[in-house]
PDB file of all heavy atoms in Angstrom:
ATOM      1  N   MET A   1       0.837  -1.209   0.000  1.00  0.00           N
ATOM      2  CA  MET A   1       0.000   0.000   0.000  1.00  0.00           C
ATOM      3  C   MET A   1       0.871   1.258   0.000  1.00  0.00           C
ATOM      4  O   MET A   1       0.460   2.295  -0.486  1.00  0.00           O
ATOM      5  CB  MET A   1      -0.881   0.044   1.261  1.00  0.00           C
ATOM      6  CG  MET A   1      -2.003  -0.951   1.279  1.00  0.00           C
ATOM      7  SD  MET A   1      -3.423  -0.486   0.316  1.00  0.00           S
ATOM      8  CE  MET A   1      -4.616   0.102   1.427  1.00  0.00           C
ATOM      9  N   THR A   2       2.046   1.191   0.600  1.00  0.00           N
ATOM     10  CA  THR A   2       2.872   2.398   0.692  1.00  0.00           C
ATOM     11  C   THR A   2       4.228   2.154   0.039  1.00  0.00           C
ATOM     12  O   THR A   2       4.637   1.024  -0.196  1.00  0.00           O
ATOM     13  CB  THR A   2       3.089   2.794   2.172  1.00  0.00           C
ATOM     14  OG1 THR A   2       3.620   1.668   2.860  1.00  0.00           O
ATOM     15  CG2 THR A   2       1.790   3.218   2.820  1.00  0.00           C
ATOM     16  N   TYR A   3       4.889   3.270  -0.245  1.00  0.00           N
ATOM     17  CA  TYR A   3       6.155   3.219  -0.979  1.00  0.00           C
ATOM     18  C   TYR A   3       7.236   3.920  -0.188  1.00  0.00           C
ATOM     19  O   TYR A   3       6.943   4.761   0.640  1.00  0.00           O
ATOM     20  CB  TYR A   3       6.041   4.111  -2.222  1.00  0.00           C
ATOM     21  CG  TYR A   3       5.283   3.582  -3.351  1.00  0.00           C
ATOM     22  CD1 TYR A   3       3.911   3.420  -3.293  1.00  0.00           C
ATOM     23  CD2 TYR A   3       5.956   3.290  -4.534  1.00  0.00           C
ATOM     24  CE1 TYR A   3       3.215   2.981  -4.386  1.00  0.00           C
ATOM     25  CE2 TYR A   3       5.271   2.844  -5.621  1.00  0.00           C
ATOM     26  CZ  TYR A   3       3.893   2.695  -5.557  1.00  0.00           C
ATOM     27  OH  TYR A   3       3.226   2.265  -6.659  1.00  0.00           O
ATOM     28  N   THR A   4       8.456   3.651  -0.592  1.00  0.00           N
ATOM     29  CA  THR A   4       9.566   4.462  -0.109  1.00  0.00           C
ATOM     30  C   THR A   4      10.292   4.944  -1.357  1.00  0.00           C
ATOM     31  O   THR A   4      10.532   4.158  -2.280  1.00  0.00           O
ATOM     32  CB  THR A   4      10.542   3.597   0.727  1.00  0.00           C
ATOM     33  OG1 THR A   4       9.765   2.937   1.730  1.00  0.00           O
ATOM     34  CG2 THR A   4      11.614   4.442   1.363  1.00  0.00           C
ATOM     35  N   GLU A   5      10.590   6.247  -1.379  1.00  0.00           N
ATOM     36  CA  GLU A   5      11.340   6.762  -2.540  1.00  0.00           C
ATOM     37  C   GLU A   5      12.825   6.461  -2.311  1.00  0.00           C
ATOM     38  O   GLU A   5      13.351   6.669  -1.213  1.00  0.00           O
ATOM     39  CB  GLU A   5      11.126   8.272  -2.675  1.00  0.00           C
ATOM     40  CG  GLU A   5      11.695   8.794  -3.973  1.00  0.00           C
ATOM     41  CD  GLU A   5      11.581  10.326  -4.087  1.00  0.00           C
ATOM     42  OE1 GLU A   5      10.576  10.905  -3.628  1.00  0.00           O
ATOM     43  OE2 GLU A   5      12.522  10.920  -4.628  1.00  0.00           O
ATOM     44  N   VAL A   6      13.478   5.937  -3.359  1.00  0.00           N
ATOM     45  CA  VAL A   6      14.906   5.607  -3.239  1.00  0.00           C
ATOM     46  C   VAL A   6      15.631   6.215  -4.442  1.00  0.00           C
ATOM     47  O   VAL A   6      15.000   6.566  -5.434  1.00  0.00           O
ATOM     48  CB  VAL A   6      15.137   4.071  -3.226  1.00  0.00           C
ATOM     49  CG1 VAL A   6      14.529   3.434  -1.999  1.00  0.00           C
ATOM     50  CG2 VAL A   6      14.607   3.420  -4.493  1.00  0.00           C
ATOM     51  N   PRO A   7      16.965   6.349  -4.375  1.00  0.00           N
ATOM     52  CA  PRO A   7      17.675   6.842  -5.564  1.00  0.00           C
ATOM     53  C   PRO A   7      17.536   5.818  -6.695  1.00  0.00           C
ATOM     54  O   PRO A   7      17.389   4.614  -6.444  1.00  0.00           O
ATOM     55  CB  PRO A   7      19.143   6.927  -5.094  1.00  0.00           C
ATOM     56  CG  PRO A   7      19.100   6.797  -3.605  1.00  0.00           C
ATOM     57  CD  PRO A   7      17.846   6.076  -3.244  1.00  0.00           C
ATOM     58  N   ILE A   8      17.568   6.279  -7.938  1.00  0.00           N
ATOM     59  CA  ILE A   8      17.482   5.362  -9.079  1.00  0.00           C
ATOM     60  C   ILE A   8      18.709   4.450  -9.055  1.00  0.00           C
ATOM     61  O   ILE A   8      19.846   4.937  -9.001  1.00  0.00           O
ATOM     62  CB  ILE A   8      17.419   6.148 -10.413  1.00  0.00           C
ATOM     63  CG1 ILE A   8      16.120   6.961 -10.465  1.00  0.00           C
ATOM     64  CG2 ILE A   8      17.509   5.201 -11.617  1.00  0.00           C
ATOM     65  CD1 ILE A   8      15.973   7.878 -11.663  1.00  0.00           C
ATOM     66  N   PRO A   9      18.497   3.106  -9.058  1.00  0.00           N
ATOM     67  CA  PRO A   9      19.653   2.201  -9.008  1.00  0.00           C
ATOM     68  C   PRO A   9      20.637   2.479 -10.145  1.00  0.00           C
ATOM     69  O   PRO A   9      20.215   2.747 -11.282  1.00  0.00           O
ATOM     70  CB  PRO A   9      19.020   0.811  -9.166  1.00  0.00           C
ATOM     71  CG  PRO A   9      17.597   0.982  -8.742  1.00  0.00           C
ATOM     72  CD  PRO A   9      17.219   2.385  -9.098  1.00  0.00           C
ATOM     73  N   GLU A  10      21.923   2.414  -9.820  1.00  0.00           N
ATOM     74  CA  GLU A  10      22.983   2.726 -10.795  1.00  0.00           C
ATOM     75  C   GLU A  10      22.834   1.909 -12.075  1.00  0.00           C
ATOM     76  O   GLU A  10      22.950   2.424 -13.180  1.00  0.00           O
ATOM     77  CB  GLU A  10      24.372   2.435 -10.174  1.00  0.00           C
ATOM     78  CG  GLU A  10      24.877   3.522  -9.234  1.00  0.00           C
ATOM     79  CD  GLU A  10      24.989   4.897  -9.905  1.00  0.00           C
ATOM     80  OE1 GLU A  10      25.428   4.958 -11.066  1.00  0.00           O
ATOM     81  OE2 GLU A  10      24.607   5.909  -9.264  1.00  0.00           O
ATOM     82  N   ASP A  11      22.557   0.582 -11.913  1.00  0.00           N
ATOM     83  CA  ASP A  11      22.527  -0.280 -13.106  1.00  0.00           C
ATOM     84  C   ASP A  11      21.327   0.007 -14.018  1.00  0.00           C
ATOM     85  O   ASP A  11      21.221  -0.537 -15.116  1.00  0.00           O
ATOM     86  CB  ASP A  11      22.534  -1.763 -12.696  1.00  0.00           C
ATOM     87  CG  ASP A  11      21.360  -2.104 -11.791  1.00  0.00           C
ATOM     88  OD1 ASP A  11      20.793  -1.184 -11.176  1.00  0.00           O
ATOM     89  OD2 ASP A  11      21.000  -3.294 -11.695  1.00  0.00           O
ATOM     90  N   LEU A  12      20.383   0.863 -13.559  1.00  0.00           N
ATOM     91  CA  LEU A  12      19.197   1.159 -14.390  1.00  0.00           C
ATOM     92  C   LEU A  12      19.264   2.547 -15.023  1.00  0.00           C
ATOM     93  O   LEU A  12      18.441   2.883 -15.873  1.00  0.00           O
ATOM     94  CB  LEU A  12      17.915   1.070 -13.543  1.00  0.00           C
ATOM     95  CG  LEU A  12      17.433  -0.325 -13.126  1.00  0.00           C
ATOM     96  CD1 LEU A  12      16.142  -0.219 -12.328  1.00  0.00           C
ATOM     97  CD2 LEU A  12      17.192  -1.222 -14.342  1.00  0.00           C
ATOM     98  N   LYS A  13      20.261   3.378 -14.562  1.00  0.00           N
ATOM     99  CA  LYS A  13      20.261   4.788 -14.986  1.00  0.00           C
ATOM    100  C   LYS A  13      20.236   4.940 -16.504  1.00  0.00           C
ATOM    101  O   LYS A  13      19.470   5.733 -17.056  1.00  0.00           O
ATOM    102  CB  LYS A  13      21.458   5.526 -14.386  1.00  0.00           C
ATOM    103  CG  LYS A  13      21.176   5.957 -12.956  1.00  0.00           C
ATOM    104  CD  LYS A  13      22.205   6.901 -12.403  1.00  0.00           C
ATOM    105  CE  LYS A  13      21.722   7.462 -11.060  1.00  0.00           C
ATOM    106  NZ  LYS A  13      22.807   7.933 -10.243  1.00  0.00           N
ATOM    107  N   GLU A  14      21.073   4.169 -17.186  1.00  0.00           N
ATOM    108  CA  GLU A  14      21.170   4.286 -18.649  1.00  0.00           C
ATOM    109  C   GLU A  14      19.831   3.931 -19.310  1.00  0.00           C
ATOM    110  O   GLU A  14      19.334   4.639 -20.176  1.00  0.00           O
ATOM    111  CB  GLU A  14      22.264   3.325 -19.144  1.00  0.00           C
ATOM    112  CG  GLU A  14      22.860   3.751 -20.479  1.00  0.00           C
ATOM    113  CD  GLU A  14      24.049   2.847 -20.818  1.00  0.00           C
ATOM    114  OE1 GLU A  14      25.004   2.782 -20.010  1.00  0.00           O
ATOM    115  OE2 GLU A  14      23.974   2.205 -21.864  1.00  0.00           O
ATOM    116  N   GLN A  15      19.245   2.824 -18.843  1.00  0.00           N
ATOM    117  CA  GLN A  15      17.963   2.368 -19.396  1.00  0.00           C
ATOM    118  C   GLN A  15      16.861   3.399 -19.127  1.00  0.00           C
ATOM    119  O   GLN A  15      16.027   3.695 -19.990  1.00  0.00           O
ATOM    120  CB  GLN A  15      17.599   1.033 -18.731  1.00  0.00           C
ATOM    121  CG  GLN A  15      16.565   0.246 -19.499  1.00  0.00           C
ATOM    122  CD  GLN A  15      16.235  -1.063 -18.798  1.00  0.00           C
ATOM    123  OE1 GLN A  15      16.221  -1.140 -17.573  1.00  0.00           O
ATOM    124  NE2 GLN A  15      15.975  -2.091 -19.568  1.00  0.00           N
ATOM    125  N   VAL A  16      16.867   3.972 -17.919  1.00  0.00           N
ATOM    126  CA  VAL A  16      15.854   4.969 -17.548  1.00  0.00           C
ATOM    127  C   VAL A  16      15.961   6.187 -18.470  1.00  0.00           C
ATOM    128  O   VAL A  16      14.963   6.688 -18.991  1.00  0.00           O
ATOM    129  CB  VAL A  16      16.004   5.371 -16.059  1.00  0.00           C
ATOM    130  CG1 VAL A  16      15.198   6.624 -15.747  1.00  0.00           C
ATOM    131  CG2 VAL A  16      15.578   4.209 -15.159  1.00  0.00           C
ATOM    132  N   ASP A  17      17.198   6.658 -18.702  1.00  0.00           N
ATOM    133  CA  ASP A  17      17.385   7.819 -19.586  1.00  0.00           C
ATOM    134  C   ASP A  17      16.883   7.510 -20.993  1.00  0.00           C
ATOM    135  O   ASP A  17      16.200   8.322 -21.631  1.00  0.00           O
ATOM    136  CB  ASP A  17      18.872   8.222 -19.653  1.00  0.00           C
ATOM    137  CG  ASP A  17      19.320   8.873 -18.345  1.00  0.00           C
ATOM    138  OD1 ASP A  17      18.419   9.259 -17.569  1.00  0.00           O
ATOM    139  OD2 ASP A  17      20.542   8.965 -18.100  1.00  0.00           O
ATOM    140  N   GLU A  18      17.204   6.297 -21.469  1.00  0.00           N
ATOM    141  CA  GLU A  18      16.804   5.907 -22.832  1.00  0.00           C
ATOM    142  C   GLU A  18      15.277   5.899 -22.966  1.00  0.00           C
ATOM    143  O   GLU A  18      14.704   6.496 -23.890  1.00  0.00           O
ATOM    144  CB  GLU A  18      17.358   4.496 -23.124  1.00  0.00           C
ATOM    145  CG  GLU A  18      16.980   3.976 -24.509  1.00  0.00           C
ATOM    146  CD  GLU A  18      17.201   2.469 -24.631  1.00  0.00           C
ATOM    147  OE1 GLU A  18      17.932   1.879 -23.792  1.00  0.00           O
ATOM    148  OE2 GLU A  18      16.643   1.876 -25.559  1.00  0.00           O
ATOM    149  N   TYR A  19      14.600   5.266 -22.002  1.00  0.00           N
ATOM    150  CA  TYR A  19      13.140   5.129 -22.127  1.00  0.00           C
ATOM    151  C   TYR A  19      12.398   6.422 -21.791  1.00  0.00           C
ATOM    152  O   TYR A  19      11.317   6.665 -22.292  1.00  0.00           O
ATOM    153  CB  TYR A  19      12.634   3.946 -21.282  1.00  0.00           C
ATOM    154  CG  TYR A  19      12.813   2.654 -22.045  1.00  0.00           C
ATOM    155  CD1 TYR A  19      13.945   1.866 -21.868  1.00  0.00           C
ATOM    156  CD2 TYR A  19      11.872   2.244 -22.989  1.00  0.00           C
ATOM    157  CE1 TYR A  19      14.132   0.698 -22.598  1.00  0.00           C
ATOM    158  CE2 TYR A  19      12.043   1.078 -23.717  1.00  0.00           C
ATOM    159  CZ  TYR A  19      13.169   0.310 -23.523  1.00  0.00           C
ATOM    160  OH  TYR A  19      13.336  -0.838 -24.258  1.00  0.00           O
ATOM    161  N   ARG A  20      13.026   7.273 -20.950  1.00  0.00           N
ATOM    162  CA  ARG A  20      12.382   8.569 -20.682  1.00  0.00           C
ATOM    163  C   ARG A  20      12.427   9.415 -21.964  1.00  0.00           C
ATOM    164  O   ARG A  20      11.458  10.080 -22.332  1.00  0.00           O
ATOM    165  CB  ARG A  20      13.085   9.295 -19.531  1.00  0.00           C
ATOM    166  CG  ARG A  20      12.301  10.535 -19.100  1.00  0.00           C
ATOM    167  CD  ARG A  20      12.668  11.002 -17.696  1.00  0.00           C
ATOM    168  NE  ARG A  20      11.635  11.872 -17.190  1.00  0.00           N
ATOM    169  CZ  ARG A  20      11.699  13.207 -17.200  1.00  0.00           C
ATOM    170  NH1 ARG A  20      12.774  13.798 -17.689  1.00  0.00           N
ATOM    171  NH2 ARG A  20      10.711  13.933 -16.728  1.00  0.00           N
ATOM    172  N   GLY A  21      13.566   9.321 -22.667  1.00  0.00           N
ATOM    173  CA  GLY A  21      13.695  10.024 -23.952  1.00  0.00           C
ATOM    174  C   GLY A  21      12.649   9.526 -24.943  1.00  0.00           C
ATOM    175  O   GLY A  21      11.981  10.317 -25.627  1.00  0.00           O
ATOM    176  N   LYS A  22      12.459   8.187 -24.991  1.00  0.00           N
ATOM    177  CA  LYS A  22      11.470   7.610 -25.916  1.00  0.00           C
ATOM    178  C   LYS A  22      10.057   8.077 -25.563  1.00  0.00           C
ATOM    179  O   LYS A  22       9.227   8.330 -26.433  1.00  0.00           O
ATOM    180  CB  LYS A  22      11.520   6.076 -25.852  1.00  0.00           C
ATOM    181  CG  LYS A  22      12.713   5.475 -26.587  1.00  0.00           C
ATOM    182  CD  LYS A  22      12.668   3.957 -26.535  1.00  0.00           C
ATOM    183  CE  LYS A  22      13.826   3.367 -27.329  1.00  0.00           C
ATOM    184  NZ  LYS A  22      13.913   1.911 -27.151  1.00  0.00           N
ATOM    185  N   LEU A  23       9.770   8.169 -24.255  1.00  0.00           N
ATOM    186  CA  LEU A  23       8.450   8.618 -23.796  1.00  0.00           C
ATOM    187  C   LEU A  23       8.193  10.055 -24.261  1.00  0.00           C
ATOM    188  O   LEU A  23       7.138  10.364 -24.834  1.00  0.00           O
ATOM    189  CB  LEU A  23       8.380   8.518 -22.262  1.00  0.00           C
ATOM    190  CG  LEU A  23       7.231   9.264 -21.566  1.00  0.00           C
ATOM    191  CD1 LEU A  23       5.888   8.686 -21.957  1.00  0.00           C
ATOM    192  CD2 LEU A  23       7.369   9.190 -20.037  1.00  0.00           C
ATOM    193  N   ILE A  24       9.190  10.922 -24.045  1.00  0.00           N
ATOM    194  CA  ILE A  24       9.009  12.338 -24.426  1.00  0.00           C
ATOM    195  C   ILE A  24       8.845  12.463 -25.939  1.00  0.00           C
ATOM    196  O   ILE A  24       7.958  13.170 -26.429  1.00  0.00           O
ATOM    197  CB  ILE A  24      10.184  13.201 -23.893  1.00  0.00           C
ATOM    198  CG1 ILE A  24      10.161  13.193 -22.350  1.00  0.00           C
ATOM    199  CG2 ILE A  24      10.088  14.634 -24.405  1.00  0.00           C
ATOM    200  CD1 ILE A  24      11.397  13.769 -21.690  1.00  0.00           C
ATOM    201  N   GLU A  25       9.654  11.718 -26.683  1.00  0.00           N
ATOM    202  CA  GLU A  25       9.534  11.769 -28.152  1.00  0.00           C
ATOM    203  C   GLU A  25       8.154  11.319 -28.617  1.00  0.00           C
ATOM    204  O   GLU A  25       7.551  11.906 -29.509  1.00  0.00           O
ATOM    205  CB  GLU A  25      10.589  10.845 -28.785  1.00  0.00           C
ATOM    206  CG  GLU A  25      11.904  11.548 -29.089  1.00  0.00           C
ATOM    207  CD  GLU A  25      12.933  10.542 -29.598  1.00  0.00           C
ATOM    208  OE1 GLU A  25      12.672   9.918 -30.637  1.00  0.00           O
ATOM    209  OE2 GLU A  25      13.971  10.381 -28.931  1.00  0.00           O
ATOM    210  N   ALA A  26       7.658  10.232 -27.985  1.00  0.00           N
ATOM    211  CA  ALA A  26       6.376   9.656 -28.417  1.00  0.00           C
ATOM    212  C   ALA A  26       5.221  10.628 -28.218  1.00  0.00           C
ATOM    213  O   ALA A  26       4.278  10.650 -29.008  1.00  0.00           O
ATOM    214  CB  ALA A  26       6.105   8.363 -27.650  1.00  0.00           C
ATOM    215  N   VAL A  27       5.284  11.440 -27.147  1.00  0.00           N
ATOM    216  CA  VAL A  27       4.129  12.312 -26.869  1.00  0.00           C
ATOM    217  C   VAL A  27       4.372  13.756 -27.308  1.00  0.00           C
ATOM    218  O   VAL A  27       3.458  14.576 -27.283  1.00  0.00           O
ATOM    219  CB  VAL A  27       3.753  12.292 -25.361  1.00  0.00           C
ATOM    220  CG1 VAL A  27       3.360  10.889 -24.943  1.00  0.00           C
ATOM    221  CG2 VAL A  27       4.877  12.807 -24.488  1.00  0.00           C
ATOM    222  N   ALA A  28       5.611  14.051 -27.745  1.00  0.00           N
ATOM    223  CA  ALA A  28       5.953  15.446 -28.045  1.00  0.00           C
ATOM    224  C   ALA A  28       5.146  16.007 -29.213  1.00  0.00           C
ATOM    225  O   ALA A  28       4.870  17.206 -29.257  1.00  0.00           O
ATOM    226  CB  ALA A  28       7.443  15.572 -28.332  1.00  0.00           C
ATOM    227  N   GLU A  29       4.735  15.133 -30.152  1.00  0.00           N
ATOM    228  CA  GLU A  29       3.992  15.682 -31.302  1.00  0.00           C
ATOM    229  C   GLU A  29       2.653  16.280 -30.864  1.00  0.00           C
ATOM    230  O   GLU A  29       1.996  16.975 -31.613  1.00  0.00           O
ATOM    231  CB  GLU A  29       3.779  14.607 -32.366  1.00  0.00           C
ATOM    232  CG  GLU A  29       2.914  13.457 -31.904  1.00  0.00           C
ATOM    233  CD  GLU A  29       2.594  12.484 -33.036  1.00  0.00           C
ATOM    234  OE1 GLU A  29       1.740  12.846 -33.868  1.00  0.00           O
ATOM    235  OE2 GLU A  29       3.200  11.397 -33.082  1.00  0.00           O
ATOM    236  N   PHE A  30       2.216  15.968 -29.612  1.00  0.00           N
ATOM    237  CA  PHE A  30       0.965  16.538 -29.121  1.00  0.00           C
ATOM    238  C   PHE A  30       1.207  17.842 -28.375  1.00  0.00           C
ATOM    239  O   PHE A  30       0.288  18.436 -27.862  1.00  0.00           O
ATOM    240  CB  PHE A  30       0.244  15.525 -28.217  1.00  0.00           C
ATOM    241  CG  PHE A  30      -0.376  14.432 -29.015  1.00  0.00           C
ATOM    242  CD1 PHE A  30       0.359  13.326 -29.389  1.00  0.00           C
ATOM    243  CD2 PHE A  30      -1.686  14.544 -29.460  1.00  0.00           C
ATOM    244  CE1 PHE A  30      -0.197  12.334 -30.163  1.00  0.00           C
ATOM    245  CE2 PHE A  30      -2.251  13.564 -30.237  1.00  0.00           C
ATOM    246  CZ  PHE A  30      -1.512  12.452 -30.592  1.00  0.00           C
ATOM    247  N   ASP A  31       2.458  18.232 -28.295  1.00  0.00           N
ATOM    248  CA  ASP A  31       2.773  19.447 -27.547  1.00  0.00           C
ATOM    249  C   ASP A  31       4.092  20.012 -28.068  1.00  0.00           C
ATOM    250  O   ASP A  31       5.173  19.538 -27.720  1.00  0.00           O
ATOM    251  CB  ASP A  31       2.878  19.081 -26.054  1.00  0.00           C
ATOM    252  CG  ASP A  31       2.878  20.331 -25.180  1.00  0.00           C
ATOM    253  OD1 ASP A  31       3.347  21.381 -25.668  1.00  0.00           O
ATOM    254  OD2 ASP A  31       2.419  20.250 -24.032  1.00  0.00           O
ATOM    255  N   ASP A  32       4.000  21.038 -28.925  1.00  0.00           N
ATOM    256  CA  ASP A  32       5.202  21.598 -29.560  1.00  0.00           C
ATOM    257  C   ASP A  32       6.177  22.168 -28.528  1.00  0.00           C
ATOM    258  O   ASP A  32       7.395  22.017 -28.650  1.00  0.00           O
ATOM    259  CB  ASP A  32       4.820  22.701 -30.562  1.00  0.00           C
ATOM    260  CG  ASP A  32       3.986  22.115 -31.690  1.00  0.00           C
ATOM    261  OD1 ASP A  32       4.087  20.884 -31.878  1.00  0.00           O
ATOM    262  OD2 ASP A  32       3.232  22.846 -32.355  1.00  0.00           O
ATOM    263  N   ALA A  33       5.613  22.814 -27.498  1.00  0.00           N
ATOM    264  CA  ALA A  33       6.478  23.440 -26.486  1.00  0.00           C
ATOM    265  C   ALA A  33       7.327  22.370 -25.803  1.00  0.00           C
ATOM    266  O   ALA A  33       8.502  22.584 -25.473  1.00  0.00           O
ATOM    267  CB  ALA A  33       5.619  24.162 -25.447  1.00  0.00           C
ATOM    268  N   LEU A  34       6.729  21.185 -25.629  1.00  0.00           N
ATOM    269  CA  LEU A  34       7.429  20.079 -24.985  1.00  0.00           C
ATOM    270  C   LEU A  34       8.618  19.626 -25.840  1.00  0.00           C
ATOM    271  O   LEU A  34       9.707  19.377 -25.337  1.00  0.00           O
ATOM    272  CB  LEU A  34       6.448  18.914 -24.803  1.00  0.00           C
ATOM    273  CG  LEU A  34       6.845  17.828 -23.816  1.00  0.00           C
ATOM    274  CD1 LEU A  34       6.812  18.360 -22.395  1.00  0.00           C
ATOM    275  CD2 LEU A  34       5.894  16.638 -23.915  1.00  0.00           C
ATOM    276  N   LEU A  35       8.385  19.556 -27.147  1.00  0.00           N
ATOM    277  CA  LEU A  35       9.437  19.108 -28.062  1.00  0.00           C
ATOM    278  C   LEU A  35      10.615  20.096 -28.035  1.00  0.00           C
ATOM    279  O   LEU A  35      11.781  19.696 -27.964  1.00  0.00           O
ATOM    280  CB  LEU A  35       8.868  18.993 -29.487  1.00  0.00           C
ATOM    281  CG  LEU A  35       9.731  18.221 -30.481  1.00  0.00           C
ATOM    282  CD1 LEU A  35       9.973  16.806 -29.990  1.00  0.00           C
ATOM    283  CD2 LEU A  35       9.061  18.167 -31.856  1.00  0.00           C
ATOM    284  N   GLU A  36      10.280  21.395 -28.029  1.00  0.00           N
ATOM    285  CA  GLU A  36      11.340  22.424 -27.970  1.00  0.00           C
ATOM    286  C   GLU A  36      12.172  22.251 -26.693  1.00  0.00           C
ATOM    287  O   GLU A  36      13.393  22.235 -26.718  1.00  0.00           O
ATOM    288  CB  GLU A  36      10.708  23.819 -27.959  1.00  0.00           C
ATOM    289  CG  GLU A  36      10.512  24.370 -29.362  1.00  0.00           C
ATOM    290  CD  GLU A  36       9.754  25.693 -29.327  1.00  0.00           C
ATOM    291  OE1 GLU A  36      10.065  26.534 -28.455  1.00  0.00           O
ATOM    292  OE2 GLU A  36       8.848  25.867 -30.160  1.00  0.00           O
ATOM    293  N   LYS A  37      11.437  22.101 -25.579  1.00  0.00           N
ATOM    294  CA  LYS A  37      12.130  21.928 -24.296  1.00  0.00           C
ATOM    295  C   LYS A  37      13.028  20.693 -24.320  1.00  0.00           C
ATOM    296  O   LYS A  37      14.110  20.680 -23.757  1.00  0.00           O
ATOM    297  CB  LYS A  37      11.101  21.757 -23.171  1.00  0.00           C
ATOM    298  CG  LYS A  37      10.748  23.049 -22.463  1.00  0.00           C
ATOM    299  CD  LYS A  37       9.962  22.711 -21.204  1.00  0.00           C
ATOM    300  CE  LYS A  37       9.509  23.969 -20.482  1.00  0.00           C
ATOM    301  NZ  LYS A  37       8.697  23.644 -19.315  1.00  0.00           N
ATOM    302  N   PHE A  38      12.527  19.638 -24.970  1.00  0.00           N
ATOM    303  CA  PHE A  38      13.257  18.372 -25.016  1.00  0.00           C
ATOM    304  C   PHE A  38      14.621  18.567 -25.698  1.00  0.00           C
ATOM    305  O   PHE A  38      15.627  18.024 -25.268  1.00  0.00           O
ATOM    306  CB  PHE A  38      12.423  17.317 -25.754  1.00  0.00           C
ATOM    307  CG  PHE A  38      13.114  15.981 -25.898  1.00  0.00           C
ATOM    308  CD1 PHE A  38      13.566  15.293 -24.775  1.00  0.00           C
ATOM    309  CD2 PHE A  38      13.326  15.405 -27.149  1.00  0.00           C
ATOM    310  CE1 PHE A  38      14.202  14.061 -24.893  1.00  0.00           C
ATOM    311  CE2 PHE A  38      13.966  14.179 -27.273  1.00  0.00           C
ATOM    312  CZ  PHE A  38      14.399  13.508 -26.139  1.00  0.00           C
ATOM    313  N   PHE A  39      14.621  19.376 -26.766  1.00  0.00           N
ATOM    314  CA  PHE A  39      15.882  19.594 -27.479  1.00  0.00           C
ATOM    315  C   PHE A  39      16.788  20.576 -26.744  1.00  0.00           C
ATOM    316  O   PHE A  39      18.000  20.454 -26.751  1.00  0.00           O
ATOM    317  CB  PHE A  39      15.609  20.082 -28.906  1.00  0.00           C
ATOM    318  CG  PHE A  39      15.063  18.973 -29.779  1.00  0.00           C
ATOM    319  CD1 PHE A  39      13.880  19.138 -30.490  1.00  0.00           C
ATOM    320  CD2 PHE A  39      15.731  17.751 -29.872  1.00  0.00           C
ATOM    321  CE1 PHE A  39      13.372  18.109 -31.270  1.00  0.00           C
ATOM    322  CE2 PHE A  39      15.220  16.722 -30.658  1.00  0.00           C
ATOM    323  CZ  PHE A  39      14.049  16.895 -31.363  1.00  0.00           C
ATOM    324  N   GLU A  40      16.169  21.590 -26.086  1.00  0.00           N
ATOM    325  CA  GLU A  40      16.984  22.622 -25.438  1.00  0.00           C
ATOM    326  C   GLU A  40      17.457  22.192 -24.039  1.00  0.00           C
ATOM    327  O   GLU A  40      18.639  22.175 -23.744  1.00  0.00           O
ATOM    328  CB  GLU A  40      16.198  23.937 -25.350  1.00  0.00           C
ATOM    329  CG  GLU A  40      16.110  24.616 -26.727  1.00  0.00           C
ATOM    330  CD  GLU A  40      15.038  25.699 -26.762  1.00  0.00           C
ATOM    331  OE1 GLU A  40      14.629  26.158 -25.684  1.00  0.00           O
ATOM    332  OE2 GLU A  40      14.611  26.065 -27.879  1.00  0.00           O
ATOM    333  N   SER A  41      16.479  21.880 -23.160  1.00  0.00           N
ATOM    334  CA  SER A  41      16.879  21.452 -21.807  1.00  0.00           C
ATOM    335  C   SER A  41      15.861  20.442 -21.286  1.00  0.00           C
ATOM    336  O   SER A  41      14.869  20.815 -20.663  1.00  0.00           O
ATOM    337  CB  SER A  41      16.949  22.663 -20.862  1.00  0.00           C
ATOM    338  OG  SER A  41      15.723  23.359 -20.909  1.00  0.00           O
ATOM    339  N   PRO A  42      16.113  19.137 -21.575  1.00  0.00           N
ATOM    340  CA  PRO A  42      15.142  18.106 -21.206  1.00  0.00           C
ATOM    341  C   PRO A  42      14.802  18.093 -19.716  1.00  0.00           C
ATOM    342  O   PRO A  42      13.683  17.766 -19.333  1.00  0.00           O
ATOM    343  CB  PRO A  42      15.817  16.793 -21.625  1.00  0.00           C
ATOM    344  CG  PRO A  42      17.164  17.130 -22.135  1.00  0.00           C
ATOM    345  CD  PRO A  42      17.279  18.603 -22.290  1.00  0.00           C
ATOM    346  N   GLU A  43      15.778  18.511 -18.895  1.00  0.00           N
ATOM    347  CA  GLU A  43      15.511  18.461 -17.442  1.00  0.00           C
ATOM    348  C   GLU A  43      14.464  19.494 -17.003  1.00  0.00           C
ATOM    349  O   GLU A  43      13.921  19.420 -15.903  1.00  0.00           O
ATOM    350  CB  GLU A  43      16.817  18.620 -16.621  1.00  0.00           C
ATOM    351  CG  GLU A  43      17.601  19.910 -16.816  1.00  0.00           C
ATOM    352  CD  GLU A  43      18.343  19.960 -18.163  1.00  0.00           C
ATOM    353  OE1 GLU A  43      18.533  18.890 -18.803  1.00  0.00           O
ATOM    354  OE2 GLU A  43      18.700  21.055 -18.583  1.00  0.00           O
ATOM    355  N   ALA A  44      14.163  20.470 -17.895  1.00  0.00           N
ATOM    356  CA  ALA A  44      13.186  21.508 -17.525  1.00  0.00           C
ATOM    357  C   ALA A  44      11.738  21.041 -17.716  1.00  0.00           C
ATOM    358  O   ALA A  44      10.788  21.727 -17.341  1.00  0.00           O
ATOM    359  CB  ALA A  44      13.420  22.768 -18.364  1.00  0.00           C
TER     360      ALA A  44
END
């Protein structure tokens, strides 16, 4: 029922970055501002 937030495990960091990028790309066509941000500063 409850969670604990933990740091992202080291061995998953690369995979997480890859799939987060894929997620943003997949939905960016529905939001132009999002796509711009993705290219300029994805962390924003």
